[in-house]
Amino acid sequence: MAEVLGNWVVLHPGERKRLHFYNHAVVERVITDPVTGAQKTIRSLTMWVDEEDGVPVKKMFSVISEKLAGQLAPYLVNKNYVNYYFVIEKPAHKYAAPALAEVVPRSK
């Protein structure tokens, strides 16, 4: 399989991606509100991705949605996420946060 290029996983409105994570970190980031233009510092869950839709990659997936971070939180313990694929869906609305659509056990 060919490697997908790019440094970050990008989700477009209405799109789903199946991701496999192999590491994570919580980092502080400065983001800009797309409507007001105001900047603020937030804590972001950053996941290292080694597979995107069945293709080997070396990317990162940044989670700023508190809801999605909360859904992924149980899998952070002991890096349990390495045992699963996570299907993340970006709703059709441009400013809606991505959501966890499915968790699929990874066969070893």
PDB file of N, CA and C in Angstrom:
ATOM      1  N   MET A   1       0.835  -1.191   0.000  1.00  0.00           N
ATOM      2  CA  MET A   1       0.000   0.000   0.000  1.00  0.00           C
ATOM      3  C   MET A   1       0.874   1.246   0.000  1.00  0.00           C
ATOM      4  N   ALA A   2       0.438   2.267  -0.691  1.00  0.00           N
ATOM      5  CA  ALA A   2       1.169   3.527  -0.718  1.00  0.00           C
ATOM      6  C   ALA A   2       0.912   4.310   0.562  1.00  0.00           C
ATOM      7  N   GLU A   3       1.897   5.083   0.975  1.00  0.00           N
ATOM      8  CA  GLU A   3       1.739   5.881   2.184  1.00  0.00           C
ATOM      9  C   GLU A   3       1.002   7.168   1.847  1.00  0.00           C
ATOM     10  N   VAL A   4       0.041   7.547   2.707  1.00  0.00           N
ATOM     11  CA  VAL A   4      -0.703   8.788   2.536  1.00  0.00           C
ATOM     12  C   VAL A   4       0.182   9.939   3.005  1.00  0.00           C
ATOM     13  N   LEU A   5       0.276  10.994   2.197  1.00  0.00           N
ATOM     14  CA  LEU A   5       1.135  12.121   2.535  1.00  0.00           C
ATOM     15  C   LEU A   5       0.408  13.117   3.427  1.00  0.00           C
ATOM     16  N   GLY A   6       1.178  13.949   4.143  1.00  0.00           N
ATOM     17  CA  GLY A   6       0.636  14.968   5.023  1.00  0.00           C
ATOM     18  C   GLY A   6       0.994  14.669   6.461  1.00  0.00           C
ATOM     19  N   ASN A   7       0.998  15.711   7.291  1.00  0.00           N
ATOM     20  CA  ASN A   7       1.393  15.568   8.690  1.00  0.00           C
ATOM     21  C   ASN A   7       0.218  15.394   9.642  1.00  0.00           C
ATOM     22  N   TRP A   8      -0.953  15.842   9.250  1.00  0.00           N
ATOM     23  CA  TRP A   8      -2.128  15.835  10.124  1.00  0.00           C
ATOM     24  C   TRP A   8      -3.280  15.128   9.439  1.00  0.00           C
ATOM     25  N   VAL A   9      -4.093  14.441  10.220  1.00  0.00           N
ATOM     26  CA  VAL A   9      -5.332  13.865   9.706  1.00  0.00           C
ATOM     27  C   VAL A   9      -6.311  15.023   9.516  1.00  0.00           C
ATOM     28  N   VAL A  10      -6.880  15.122   8.334  1.00  0.00           N
ATOM     29  CA  VAL A  10      -7.841  16.176   8.025  1.00  0.00           C
ATOM     30  C   VAL A  10      -9.190  15.527   7.750  1.00  0.00           C
ATOM     31  N   LEU A  11     -10.214  15.993   8.441  1.00  0.00           N
ATOM     32  CA  LEU A  11     -11.578  15.512   8.231  1.00  0.00           C
ATOM     33  C   LEU A  11     -12.407  16.632   7.618  1.00  0.00           C
ATOM     34  N   HIS A  12     -12.997  16.359   6.479  1.00  0.00           N
ATOM     35  CA  HIS A  12     -13.867  17.328   5.818  1.00  0.00           C
ATOM     36  C   HIS A  12     -15.317  17.056   6.226  1.00  0.00           C
ATOM     37  N   PRO A  13     -16.199  18.061   6.173  1.00  0.00           N
ATOM     38  CA  PRO A  13     -17.600  17.855   6.534  1.00  0.00           C
ATOM     39  C   PRO A  13     -18.211  16.660   5.805  1.00  0.00           C
ATOM     40  N   GLY A  14     -18.862  15.780   6.577  1.00  0.00           N
ATOM     41  CA  GLY A  14     -19.510  14.592   6.033  1.00  0.00           C
ATOM     42  C   GLY A  14     -18.579  13.407   5.838  1.00  0.00           C
ATOM     43  N   GLU A  15     -17.324  13.519   6.242  1.00  0.00           N
ATOM     44  CA  GLU A  15     -16.329  12.471   6.005  1.00  0.00           C
ATOM     45  C   GLU A  15     -16.096  11.621   7.258  1.00  0.00           C
ATOM     46  N   ARG A  16     -15.803  10.335   7.024  1.00  0.00           N
ATOM     47  CA  ARG A  16     -15.431   9.387   8.088  1.00  0.00           C
ATOM     48  C   ARG A  16     -14.040   8.855   7.789  1.00  0.00           C
ATOM     49  N   LYS A  17     -13.262   8.625   8.854  1.00  0.00           N
ATOM     50  CA  LYS A  17     -11.940   8.018   8.705  1.00  0.00           C
ATOM     51  C   LYS A  17     -11.756   6.965   9.779  1.00  0.00           C
ATOM     52  N   ARG A  18     -11.108   5.867   9.390  1.00  0.00           N
ATOM     53  CA  ARG A  18     -10.757   4.814  10.348  1.00  0.00           C
ATOM     54  C   ARG A  18      -9.273   4.983  10.673  1.00  0.00           C
ATOM     55  N   LEU A  19      -8.991   5.233  11.945  1.00  0.00           N
ATOM     56  CA  LEU A  19      -7.637   5.555  12.381  1.00  0.00           C
ATOM     57  C   LEU A  19      -7.133   4.540  13.398  1.00  0.00           C
ATOM     58  N   HIS A  20      -5.817   4.303  13.345  1.00  0.00           N
ATOM     59  CA  HIS A  20      -5.167   3.511  14.396  1.00  0.00           C
ATOM     60  C   HIS A  20      -4.128   4.409  15.058  1.00  0.00           C
ATOM     61  N   PHE A  21      -4.192   4.478  16.398  1.00  0.00           N
ATOM     62  CA  PHE A  21      -3.293   5.321  17.167  1.00  0.00           C
ATOM     63  C   PHE A  21      -2.202   4.478  17.815  1.00  0.00           C
ATOM     64  N   TYR A  22      -0.988   5.034  17.925  1.00  0.00           N
ATOM     65  CA  TYR A  22       0.089   4.308  18.595  1.00  0.00           C
ATOM     66  C   TYR A  22       0.748   5.097  19.720  1.00  0.00           C
ATOM     67  N   ASN A  23       0.392   6.369  19.874  1.00  0.00           N
ATOM     68  CA  ASN A  23       0.927   7.161  20.982  1.00  0.00           C
ATOM     69  C   ASN A  23       0.045   8.383  21.155  1.00  0.00           C
ATOM     70  N   HIS A  24       0.222   9.091  22.275  1.00  0.00           N
ATOM     71  CA  HIS A  24      -0.583  10.286  22.509  1.00  0.00           C
ATOM     72  C   HIS A  24       0.139  11.234  23.465  1.00  0.00           C
ATOM     73  N   ALA A  25      -0.346  12.478  23.501  1.00  0.00           N
ATOM     74  CA  ALA A  25       0.128  13.483  24.443  1.00  0.00           C
ATOM     75  C   ALA A  25      -0.970  14.528  24.596  1.00  0.00           C
ATOM     76  N   VAL A  26      -0.977  15.196  25.731  1.00  0.00           N
ATOM     77  CA  VAL A  26      -1.870  16.334  25.939  1.00  0.00           C
ATOM     78  C   VAL A  26      -0.986  17.578  25.862  1.00  0.00           C
ATOM     79  N   VAL A  27      -1.321  18.490  24.951  1.00  0.00           N
ATOM     80  CA  VAL A  27      -0.499  19.670  24.707  1.00  0.00           C
ATOM     81  C   VAL A  27      -1.362  20.930  24.764  1.00  0.00           C
ATOM     82  N   GLU A  28      -0.716  22.062  25.026  1.00  0.00           N
ATOM     83  CA  GLU A  28      -1.407  23.342  24.964  1.00  0.00           C
ATOM     84  C   GLU A  28      -1.221  23.916  23.571  1.00  0.00           C
ATOM     85  N   ARG A  29      -2.316  24.454  23.020  1.00  0.00           N
ATOM     86  CA  ARG A  29      -2.295  25.039  21.677  1.00  0.00           C
ATOM     87  C   ARG A  29      -3.049  26.358  21.696  1.00  0.00           C
ATOM     88  N   VAL A  30      -2.681  27.236  20.800  1.00  0.00           N
ATOM     89  CA  VAL A  30      -3.426  28.473  20.597  1.00  0.00           C
ATOM     90  C   VAL A  30      -4.292  28.263  19.362  1.00  0.00           C
ATOM     91  N   ILE A  31      -5.599  28.470  19.526  1.00  0.00           N
ATOM     92  CA  ILE A  31      -6.513  28.327  18.392  1.00  0.00           C
ATOM     93  C   ILE A  31      -7.220  29.660  18.144  1.00  0.00           C
ATOM     94  N   THR A  32      -7.725  29.815  16.931  1.00  0.00           N
ATOM     95  CA  THR A  32      -8.451  31.011  16.560  1.00  0.00           C
ATOM     96  C   THR A  32      -9.896  30.633  16.268  1.00  0.00           C
ATOM     97  N   ASP A  33     -10.839  31.297  16.922  1.00  0.00           N
ATOM     98  CA  ASP A  33     -12.253  31.050  16.687  1.00  0.00           C
ATOM     99  C   ASP A  33     -12.563  31.430  15.237  1.00  0.00           C
ATOM    100  N   PRO A  34     -13.145  30.511  14.451  1.00  0.00           N
ATOM    101  CA  PRO A  34     -13.385  30.798  13.030  1.00  0.00           C
ATOM    102  C   PRO A  34     -14.426  31.883  12.782  1.00  0.00           C
ATOM    103  N   VAL A  35     -15.276  32.155  13.767  1.00  0.00           N
ATOM    104  CA  VAL A  35     -16.325  33.160  13.588  1.00  0.00           C
ATOM    105  C   VAL A  35     -15.871  34.531  14.074  1.00  0.00           C
ATOM    106  N   THR A  36     -15.315  34.590  15.303  1.00  0.00           N
ATOM    107  CA  THR A  36     -14.947  35.876  15.899  1.00  0.00           C
ATOM    108  C   THR A  36     -13.508  36.299  15.617  1.00  0.00           C
ATOM    109  N   GLY A  37     -12.649  35.330  15.295  1.00  0.00           N
ATOM    110  CA  GLY A  37     -11.244  35.641  15.085  1.00  0.00           C
ATOM    111  C   GLY A  37     -10.445  35.745  16.377  1.00  0.00           C
ATOM    112  N   ALA A  38     -11.115  35.561  17.520  1.00  0.00           N
ATOM    113  CA  ALA A  38     -10.439  35.644  18.819  1.00  0.00           C
ATOM    114  C   ALA A  38      -9.563  34.408  19.032  1.00  0.00           C
ATOM    115  N   GLN A  39      -8.405  34.625  19.659  1.00  0.00           N
ATOM    116  CA  GLN A  39      -7.506  33.523  19.953  1.00  0.00           C
ATOM    117  C   GLN A  39      -7.609  33.139  21.426  1.00  0.00           C
ATOM    118  N   LYS A  40      -7.404  31.831  21.686  1.00  0.00           N
ATOM    119  CA  LYS A  40      -7.366  31.376  23.068  1.00  0.00           C
ATOM    120  C   LYS A  40      -6.475  30.144  23.149  1.00  0.00           C
ATOM    121  N   THR A  41      -5.947  29.901  24.346  1.00  0.00           N
ATOM    122  CA  THR A  41      -5.106  28.736  24.590  1.00  0.00           C
ATOM    123  C   THR A  41      -5.975  27.617  25.124  1.00  0.00           C
ATOM    124  N   ILE A  42      -5.820  26.422  24.545  1.00  0.00           N
ATOM    125  CA  ILE A  42      -6.602  25.262  24.957  1.00  0.00           C
ATOM    126  C   ILE A  42      -5.672  24.077  25.190  1.00  0.00           C
ATOM    127  N   ARG A  43      -6.195  23.060  25.855  1.00  0.00           N
ATOM    128  CA  ARG A  43      -5.487  21.784  25.987  1.00  0.00           C
ATOM    129  C   ARG A  43      -6.042  20.863  24.913  1.00  0.00           C
ATOM    130  N   SER A  44      -5.152  20.229  24.182  1.00  0.00           N
ATOM    131  CA  SER A  44      -5.531  19.371  23.062  1.00  0.00           C
ATOM    132  C   SER A  44      -4.967  17.971  23.279  1.00  0.00           C
ATOM    133  N   LEU A  45      -5.789  16.967  23.037  1.00  0.00           N
ATOM    134  CA  LEU A  45      -5.333  15.585  23.035  1.00  0.00           C
ATOM    135  C   LEU A  45      -4.790  15.314  21.639  1.00  0.00           C
ATOM    136  N   THR A  46      -3.503  15.026  21.548  1.00  0.00           N
ATOM    137  CA  THR A  46      -2.870  14.766  20.256  1.00  0.00           C
ATOM    138  C   THR A  46      -2.558  13.283  20.168  1.00  0.00           C
ATOM    139  N   MET A  47      -3.054  12.651  19.116  1.00  0.00           N
ATOM    140  CA  MET A  47      -2.867  11.217  18.908  1.00  0.00           C
ATOM    141  C   MET A  47      -1.958  11.011  17.700  1.00  0.00           C
ATOM    142  N   TRP A  48      -0.953  10.135  17.848  1.00  0.00           N
ATOM    143  CA  TRP A  48      -0.090   9.761  16.735  1.00  0.00           C
ATOM    144  C   TRP A  48      -0.781   8.635  15.968  1.00  0.00           C
ATOM    145  N   VAL A  49      -0.872   8.776  14.651  1.00  0.00           N
ATOM    146  CA  VAL A  49      -1.609   7.857  13.784  1.00  0.00           C
ATOM    147  C   VAL A  49      -0.617   7.115  12.889  1.00  0.00           C
ATOM    148  N   ASP A  50      -0.733   5.767  12.868  1.00  0.00           N
ATOM    149  CA  ASP A  50       0.123   4.993  11.968  1.00  0.00           C
ATOM    150  C   ASP A  50      -0.666   4.279  10.876  1.00  0.00           C
ATOM    151  N   GLU A  51      -2.001   4.433  10.912  1.00  0.00           N
ATOM    152  CA  GLU A  51      -2.835   3.860   9.855  1.00  0.00           C
ATOM    153  C   GLU A  51      -4.083   4.713   9.693  1.00  0.00           C
ATOM    154  N   GLU A  52      -4.363   5.097   8.437  1.00  0.00           N
ATOM    155  CA  GLU A  52      -5.539   5.904   8.109  1.00  0.00           C
ATOM    156  C   GLU A  52      -6.286   5.216   6.974  1.00  0.00           C
ATOM    157  N   ASP A  53      -7.485   4.744   7.253  1.00  0.00           N
ATOM    158  CA  ASP A  53      -8.293   4.043   6.248  1.00  0.00           C
ATOM    159  C   ASP A  53      -7.527   2.897   5.591  1.00  0.00           C
ATOM    160  N   GLY A  54      -6.780   2.144   6.409  1.00  0.00           N
ATOM    161  CA  GLY A  54      -6.068   0.973   5.918  1.00  0.00           C
ATOM    162  C   GLY A  54      -4.719   1.252   5.267  1.00  0.00           C
ATOM    163  N   VAL A  55      -4.301   2.518   5.231  1.00  0.00           N
ATOM    164  CA  VAL A  55      -3.039   2.903   4.595  1.00  0.00           C
ATOM    165  C   VAL A  55      -2.038   3.320   5.675  1.00  0.00           C
ATOM    166  N   PRO A  56      -0.800   2.818   5.627  1.00  0.00           N
ATOM    167  CA  PRO A  56       0.211   3.238   6.600  1.00  0.00           C
ATOM    168  C   PRO A  56       0.521   4.731   6.454  1.00  0.00           C
ATOM    169  N   VAL A  57       0.573   5.440   7.581  1.00  0.00           N
ATOM    170  CA  VAL A  57       0.865   6.874   7.595  1.00  0.00           C
ATOM    171  C   VAL A  57       1.736   7.210   8.801  1.00  0.00           C
ATOM    172  N   LYS A  58       2.235   8.421   8.809  1.00  0.00           N
ATOM    173  CA  LYS A  58       2.910   9.009   9.973  1.00  0.00           C
ATOM    174  C   LYS A  58       2.285  10.383  10.146  1.00  0.00           C
ATOM    175  N   LYS A  59       1.174  10.420  10.876  1.00  0.00           N
ATOM    176  CA  LYS A  59       0.396  11.653  11.033  1.00  0.00           C
ATOM    177  C   LYS A  59       0.019  11.850  12.491  1.00  0.00           C
ATOM    178  N   MET A  60      -0.567  13.012  12.735  1.00  0.00           N
ATOM    179  CA  MET A  60      -1.105  13.310  14.055  1.00  0.00           C
ATOM    180  C   MET A  60      -2.568  13.699  13.891  1.00  0.00           C
ATOM    181  N   PHE A  61      -3.345  13.411  14.945  1.00  0.00           N
ATOM    182  CA  PHE A  61      -4.762  13.768  14.982  1.00  0.00           C
ATOM    183  C   PHE A  61      -4.971  14.575  16.242  1.00  0.00           C
ATOM    184  N   SER A  62      -5.364  15.827  16.079  1.00  0.00           N
ATOM    185  CA  SER A  62      -5.545  16.727  17.208  1.00  0.00           C
ATOM    186  C   SER A  62      -7.011  16.774  17.611  1.00  0.00           C
ATOM    187  N   VAL A  63      -7.275  16.502  18.879  1.00  0.00           N
ATOM    188  CA  VAL A  63      -8.639  16.479  19.411  1.00  0.00           C
ATOM    189  C   VAL A  63      -8.816  17.675  20.333  1.00  0.00           C
ATOM    190  N   ILE A  64      -9.638  18.647  19.897  1.00  0.00           N
ATOM    191  CA  ILE A  64      -9.921  19.784  20.767  1.00  0.00           C
ATOM    192  C   ILE A  64     -11.344  19.722  21.323  1.00  0.00           C
ATOM    193  N   SER A  65     -12.159  18.836  20.779  1.00  0.00           N
ATOM    194  CA  SER A  65     -13.520  18.640  21.275  1.00  0.00           C
ATOM    195  C   SER A  65     -13.464  17.913  22.615  1.00  0.00           C
ATOM    196  N   GLU A  66     -14.027  18.527  23.651  1.00  0.00           N
ATOM    197  CA  GLU A  66     -14.055  17.892  24.977  1.00  0.00           C
ATOM    198  C   GLU A  66     -14.856  16.596  24.944  1.00  0.00           C
ATOM    199  N   LYS A  67     -15.918  16.566  24.151  1.00  0.00           N
ATOM    200  CA  LYS A  67     -16.741  15.357  24.065  1.00  0.00           C
ATOM    201  C   LYS A  67     -15.941  14.199  23.462  1.00  0.00           C
ATOM    202  N   LEU A  68     -15.269  14.445  22.333  1.00  0.00           N
ATOM    203  CA  LEU A  68     -14.479  13.394  21.698  1.00  0.00           C
ATOM    204  C   LEU A  68     -13.312  12.982  22.594  1.00  0.00           C
ATOM    205  N   ALA A  69     -12.648  13.938  23.226  1.00  0.00           N
ATOM    206  CA  ALA A  69     -11.549  13.609  24.146  1.00  0.00           C
ATOM    207  C   ALA A  69     -12.060  12.741  25.287  1.00  0.00           C
ATOM    208  N   GLY A  70     -13.254  13.028  25.784  1.00  0.00           N
ATOM    209  CA  GLY A  70     -13.853  12.224  26.848  1.00  0.00           C
ATOM    210  C   GLY A  70     -14.166  10.808  26.389  1.00  0.00           C
ATOM    211  N   GLN A  71     -14.608  10.666  25.143  1.00  0.00           N
ATOM    212  CA  GLN A  71     -14.896   9.332  24.610  1.00  0.00           C
ATOM    213  C   GLN A  71     -13.616   8.516  24.427  1.00  0.00           C
ATOM    214  N   LEU A  72     -12.511   9.177  24.106  1.00  0.00           N
ATOM    215  CA  LEU A  72     -11.240   8.482  23.914  1.00  0.00           C
ATOM    216  C   LEU A  72     -10.507   8.230  25.233  1.00  0.00           C
ATOM    217  N   ALA A  73     -10.845   8.997  26.278  1.00  0.00           N
ATOM    218  CA  ALA A  73     -10.127   8.932  27.558  1.00  0.00           C
ATOM    219  C   ALA A  73      -9.984   7.523  28.137  1.00  0.00           C
ATOM    220  N   PRO A  74     -11.018   6.670  28.139  1.00  0.00           N
ATOM    221  CA  PRO A  74     -10.836   5.335  28.708  1.00  0.00           C
ATOM    222  C   PRO A  74      -9.774   4.506  27.986  1.00  0.00           C
ATOM    223  N   TYR A  75      -9.530   4.801  26.717  1.00  0.00           N
ATOM    224  CA  TYR A  75      -8.561   4.039  25.931  1.00  0.00           C
ATOM    225  C   TYR A  75      -7.119   4.524  26.146  1.00  0.00           C
ATOM    226  N   LEU A  76      -6.961   5.688  26.797  1.00  0.00           N
ATOM    227  CA  LEU A  76      -5.626   6.223  27.039  1.00  0.00           C
ATOM    228  C   LEU A  76      -4.888   5.438  28.123  1.00  0.00           C
ATOM    229  N   VAL A  77      -5.636   4.846  29.045  1.00  0.00           N
ATOM    230  CA  VAL A  77      -5.033   4.087  30.137  1.00  0.00           C
ATOM    231  C   VAL A  77      -4.212   2.937  29.558  1.00  0.00           C
ATOM    232  N   ASN A  78      -2.940   2.895  29.920  1.00  0.00           N
ATOM    233  CA  ASN A  78      -2.007   1.861  29.441  1.00  0.00           C
ATOM    234  C   ASN A  78      -1.936   1.787  27.910  1.00  0.00           C
ATOM    235  N   LYS A  79      -2.257   2.894  27.240  1.00  0.00           N
ATOM    236  CA  LYS A  79      -2.256   2.945  25.764  1.00  0.00           C
ATOM    237  C   LYS A  79      -3.118   1.836  25.162  1.00  0.00           C
ATOM    238  N   ASN A  80      -4.241   1.587  25.786  1.00  0.00           N
ATOM    239  CA  ASN A  80      -5.149   0.537  25.325  1.00  0.00           C
ATOM    240  C   ASN A  80      -5.666   0.793  23.912  1.00  0.00           C
ATOM    241  N   TYR A  81      -5.578   2.037  23.442  1.00  0.00           N
ATOM    242  CA  TYR A  81      -6.035   2.367  22.084  1.00  0.00           C
ATOM    243  C   TYR A  81      -5.291   1.588  21.004  1.00  0.00           C
ATOM    244  N   VAL A  82      -4.092   1.085  21.289  1.00  0.00           N
ATOM    245  CA  VAL A  82      -3.356   0.337  20.259  1.00  0.00           C
ATOM    246  C   VAL A  82      -4.093  -0.933  19.850  1.00  0.00           C
ATOM    247  N   ASN A  83      -5.051  -1.368  20.661  1.00  0.00           N
ATOM    248  CA  ASN A  83      -5.809  -2.589  20.373  1.00  0.00           C
ATOM    249  C   ASN A  83      -7.066  -2.342  19.535  1.00  0.00           C
ATOM    250  N   TYR A  84      -7.266  -1.097  19.077  1.00  0.00           N
ATOM    251  CA  TYR A  84      -8.512  -0.740  18.391  1.00  0.00           C
ATOM    252  C   TYR A  84      -8.259   0.166  17.190  1.00  0.00           C
ATOM    253  N   TYR A  85      -9.240   0.156  16.288  1.00  0.00           N
ATOM    254  CA  TYR A  85      -9.369   1.173  15.246  1.00  0.00           C
ATOM    255  C   TYR A  85     -10.498   2.094  15.704  1.00  0.00           C
ATOM    256  N   PHE A  86     -10.355   3.379  15.434  1.00  0.00           N
ATOM    257  CA  PHE A  86     -11.365   4.359  15.807  1.00  0.00           C
ATOM    258  C   PHE A  86     -11.907   5.008  14.541  1.00  0.00           C
ATOM    259  N   VAL A  87     -13.210   4.900  14.354  1.00  0.00           N
ATOM    260  CA  VAL A  87     -13.855   5.535  13.209  1.00  0.00           C
ATOM    261  C   VAL A  87     -14.361   6.890  13.696  1.00  0.00           C
ATOM    262  N   ILE A  88     -13.782   7.936  13.131  1.00  0.00           N
ATOM    263  CA  ILE A  88     -14.114   9.307  13.510  1.00  0.00           C
ATOM    264  C   ILE A  88     -14.888   9.926  12.351  1.00  0.00           C
ATOM    265  N   GLU A  89     -15.983  10.604  12.686  1.00  0.00           N
ATOM    266  CA  GLU A  89     -16.841  11.204  11.660  1.00  0.00           C
ATOM    267  C   GLU A  89     -16.945  12.702  11.880  1.00  0.00           C
ATOM    268  N   LYS A  90     -16.792  13.450  10.809  1.00  0.00           N
ATOM    269  CA  LYS A  90     -16.991  14.900  10.854  1.00  0.00           C
ATOM    270  C   LYS A  90     -18.393  15.178  10.328  1.00  0.00           C
ATOM    271  N   PRO A  91     -19.284  15.727  11.167  1.00  0.00           N
ATOM    272  CA  PRO A  91     -20.638  16.033  10.693  1.00  0.00           C
ATOM    273  C   PRO A  91     -20.615  17.006   9.505  1.00  0.00           C
ATOM    274  N   ALA A  92     -21.710  17.054   8.794  1.00  0.00           N
ATOM    275  CA  ALA A  92     -21.794  17.879   7.589  1.00  0.00           C
ATOM    276  C   ALA A  92     -21.656  19.374   7.886  1.00  0.00           C
ATOM    277  N   HIS A  93     -22.061  19.819   9.073  1.00  0.00           N
ATOM    278  CA  HIS A  93     -21.956  21.241   9.411  1.00  0.00           C
ATOM    279  C   HIS A  93     -20.489  21.630   9.548  1.00  0.00           C
ATOM    280  N   LYS A  94     -20.111  22.702   8.909  1.00  0.00           N
ATOM    281  CA  LYS A  94     -18.722  23.147   8.830  1.00  0.00           C
ATOM    282  C   LYS A  94     -18.041  23.300  10.192  1.00  0.00           C
ATOM    283  N   TYR A  95     -18.747  23.820  11.194  1.00  0.00           N
ATOM    284  CA  TYR A  95     -18.128  24.091  12.488  1.00  0.00           C
ATOM    285  C   TYR A  95     -18.395  23.007  13.537  1.00  0.00           C
ATOM    286  N   ALA A  96     -19.092  21.940  13.165  1.00  0.00           N
ATOM    287  CA  ALA A  96     -19.369  20.857  14.112  1.00  0.00           C
ATOM    288  C   ALA A  96     -18.099  20.058  14.379  1.00  0.00           C
ATOM    289  N   ALA A  97     -17.946  19.645  15.629  1.00  0.00           N
ATOM    290  CA  ALA A  97     -16.758  18.874  16.019  1.00  0.00           C
ATOM    291  C   ALA A  97     -16.861  17.429  15.534  1.00  0.00           C
ATOM    292  N   PRO A  98     -15.726  16.809  15.235  1.00  0.00           N
ATOM    293  CA  PRO A  98     -15.743  15.386  14.882  1.00  0.00           C
ATOM    294  C   PRO A  98     -16.275  14.558  16.050  1.00  0.00           C
ATOM    295  N   ALA A  99     -16.831  13.399  15.727  1.00  0.00           N
ATOM    296  CA  ALA A  99     -17.407  12.530  16.753  1.00  0.00           C
ATOM    297  C   ALA A  99     -16.923  11.104  16.556  1.00  0.00           C
ATOM    298  N   LEU A 100     -16.891  10.369  17.642  1.00  0.00           N
ATOM    299  CA  LEU A 100     -16.527   8.955  17.586  1.00  0.00           C
ATOM    300  C   LEU A 100     -17.738   8.184  17.088  1.00  0.00           C
ATOM    301  N   ALA A 101     -17.603   7.543  15.915  1.00  0.00           N
ATOM    302  CA  ALA A 101     -18.711   6.813  15.320  1.00  0.00           C
ATOM    303  C   ALA A 101     -18.662   5.333  15.674  1.00  0.00           C
ATOM    304  N   GLU A 102     -17.439   4.793  15.825  1.00  0.00           N
ATOM    305  CA  GLU A 102     -17.309   3.350  16.039  1.00  0.00           C
ATOM    306  C   GLU A 102     -15.919   3.042  16.580  1.00  0.00           C
ATOM    307  N   VAL A 103     -15.836   2.020  17.425  1.00  0.00           N
ATOM    308  CA  VAL A 103     -14.563   1.481  17.916  1.00  0.00           C
ATOM    309  C   VAL A 103     -14.527   0.023  17.507  1.00  0.00           C
ATOM    310  N   VAL A 104     -13.496  -0.362  16.745  1.00  0.00           N
ATOM    311  CA  VAL A 104     -13.404  -1.707  16.190  1.00  0.00           C
ATOM    312  C   VAL A 104     -12.166  -2.393  16.764  1.00  0.00           C
ATOM    313  N   PRO A 105     -12.336  -3.560  17.403  1.00  0.00           N
ATOM    314  CA  PRO A 105     -11.157  -4.282  17.902  1.00  0.00           C
ATOM    315  C   PRO A 105     -10.191  -4.604  16.763  1.00  0.00           C
ATOM    316  N   ARG A 106      -8.919  -4.473  17.043  1.00  0.00           N
ATOM    317  CA  ARG A 106      -7.881  -4.757  16.053  1.00  0.00           C
ATOM    318  C   ARG A 106      -7.387  -6.175  16.269  1.00  0.00           C
ATOM    319  N   SER A 107      -7.443  -7.001  15.228  1.00  0.00           N
ATOM    320  CA  SER A 107      -6.938  -8.356  15.356  1.00  0.00           C
ATOM    321  C   SER A 107      -5.420  -8.329  15.343  1.00  0.00           C
ATOM    322  N   LYS A 108      -4.821  -9.192  16.123  1.00  0.00           N
ATOM    323  CA  LYS A 108      -3.370  -9.156  16.295  1.00  0.00           C
ATOM    324  C   LYS A 108      -2.656 -10.021  15.313  1.00  0.00           C
TER     325      LYS A 108
END
